[in-house]
Protein backbone atom coordinates (compact mmCIF):
# COMPACT_ATOMS: atom_id res chain seq x y z
CA UNK A 1 0.00 0.00 0.00
CA UNK A 2 1.25 3.46 -0.91
CA UNK A 3 1.90 5.74 2.05
CA UNK A 4 0.10 9.08 2.43
CA UNK A 5 1.81 11.99 0.67
CA UNK A 6 1.99 15.73 1.26
CA UNK A 7 2.31 17.79 -1.92
CA UNK A 8 1.92 21.42 -2.89
CA UNK A 9 -0.55 22.10 -5.68
CA UNK A 10 -0.50 25.56 -7.22
CA UNK A 11 -2.64 27.21 -9.90
CA UNK A 12 -1.73 30.28 -11.96
CA UNK A 13 -2.41 32.22 -15.14
CA UNK A 14 -6.10 32.48 -14.27
CA UNK A 15 -6.59 28.78 -13.44
CA UNK A 16 -6.84 29.76 -9.77
CA UNK A 17 -10.23 31.35 -10.51
CA UNK A 18 -11.66 27.82 -10.84
CA UNK A 19 -10.46 27.12 -7.29
CA UNK A 20 -12.08 30.04 -5.43
CA UNK A 21 -9.11 32.25 -6.32
CA UNK A 22 -6.75 30.25 -4.08
CA UNK A 23 -3.38 29.79 -5.78
CA UNK A 24 -1.51 27.49 -3.37
CA UNK A 25 -2.86 24.40 -1.66
CA UNK A 26 -0.97 22.15 0.75
CA UNK A 27 -2.54 18.77 0.03
CA UNK A 28 -2.40 15.63 2.16
CA UNK A 29 -3.17 12.66 -0.08
CA UNK A 30 -4.35 9.56 1.80
CA UNK A 31 -2.64 6.20 1.55
CA UNK A 32 -4.07 3.95 -1.15
CA UNK A 33 -3.40 0.63 -2.86
CA UNK A 34 -1.76 2.11 -5.97
CA UNK A 35 1.04 4.70 -5.88
CA UNK A 36 -0.18 8.26 -6.41
CA UNK A 37 0.40 9.56 -9.93
CA UNK A 38 -0.71 12.70 -11.74
CA UNK A 39 -3.72 10.87 -13.20
CA UNK A 40 -4.97 10.02 -9.68
CA UNK A 41 -4.11 13.51 -8.45
CA UNK A 42 -6.29 15.09 -11.16
CA UNK A 43 -9.26 12.96 -10.04
CA UNK A 44 -8.60 14.02 -6.43
CA UNK A 45 -8.32 17.70 -7.44
CA UNK A 46 -11.62 17.51 -9.37
CA UNK A 47 -13.41 15.98 -6.37
CA UNK A 48 -11.82 18.06 -3.61
CA UNK A 49 -10.51 21.41 -4.89
CA UNK A 50 -12.21 22.35 -8.17
CA UNK A 51 -15.10 24.69 -7.42
CA UNK A 52 -16.54 25.52 -10.84
CA UNK A 53 -16.43 24.84 -14.57
CA UNK A 54 -14.43 21.58 -14.60
CA UNK A 55 -14.48 21.64 -18.42
CA UNK A 56 -12.03 24.55 -18.27
CA UNK A 57 -9.49 22.46 -16.34
CA UNK A 58 -10.10 18.77 -17.10
CA UNK A 59 -10.54 17.11 -20.49
CA UNK A 60 -10.99 13.34 -20.37
CA UNK A 61 -8.52 12.05 -17.78
CA UNK A 62 -5.98 14.85 -18.32
CA UNK A 63 -5.78 18.63 -18.16
CA UNK A 64 -7.16 20.65 -21.04
CA UNK A 65 -4.80 21.66 -23.82
CA UNK A 66 -3.40 25.07 -22.94
CA UNK A 67 -2.66 24.22 -19.31
CA UNK A 68 1.06 23.93 -18.65
CA UNK A 69 1.98 21.47 -15.90
CA UNK A 70 5.24 21.76 -14.00
CA UNK A 71 6.41 19.18 -11.47
CA UNK A 72 9.14 20.53 -9.21
CA UNK A 73 9.71 23.27 -11.82
CA UNK A 74 10.20 20.77 -14.69
CA UNK A 75 7.83 20.31 -17.64
CA UNK A 76 5.71 17.22 -16.98
CA UNK A 77 6.29 16.04 -20.56
CA UNK A 78 9.87 15.25 -19.50
CA UNK A 79 8.67 13.27 -16.48
CA UNK A 80 6.02 10.97 -17.95
CA UNK A 81 2.97 13.26 -17.81
CA UNK A 82 -0.02 11.42 -16.27
CA UNK A 83 2.12 8.44 -15.24
CA UNK A 84 4.56 10.44 -13.09
CA UNK A 85 4.53 8.90 -9.61
CA UNK A 86 4.23 11.56 -6.96
CA UNK A 87 6.82 11.82 -4.21
CA UNK A 88 6.34 13.33 -0.78
CA UNK A 89 6.82 17.13 -0.86
CA UNK A 90 6.48 17.39 -4.67
CA UNK A 91 5.31 20.73 -6.06
CA UNK A 92 2.81 20.59 -8.93
CA UNK A 93 2.02 23.84 -10.74
CA UNK A 94 -0.82 24.23 -13.25
CA UNK A 95 -0.60 27.39 -15.40
CA UNK A 96 -3.34 28.36 -17.82
CA UNK A 97 -1.97 29.76 -21.05
CA UNK A 98 -5.48 30.48 -22.38
CA UNK A 99 -6.54 34.10 -22.08
CA UNK A 100 -9.45 36.04 -23.47
CA UNK A 101 -8.86 38.88 -25.85
């Protein structure tokens, strides 16, 4: 069984507006059978943090195109994207690059 994890989840570039305007969240993820990965984290975020308009943040089982994801300041594409296994004290930053004109 995977141990509980504490991670920092941050939203920027306007994405924080979907989370009651709160940019930084210290998140305690409970222990579970499978190791925590970004895919599981997105489900947890949708259930526990996302306050409105999930279609602006989630598409399918991933984030919408136009949302940049950084894990410990590195592009998630370099780390396996949805399959990246979270480590205790990881920092995950979601930045919306979509802006109205």
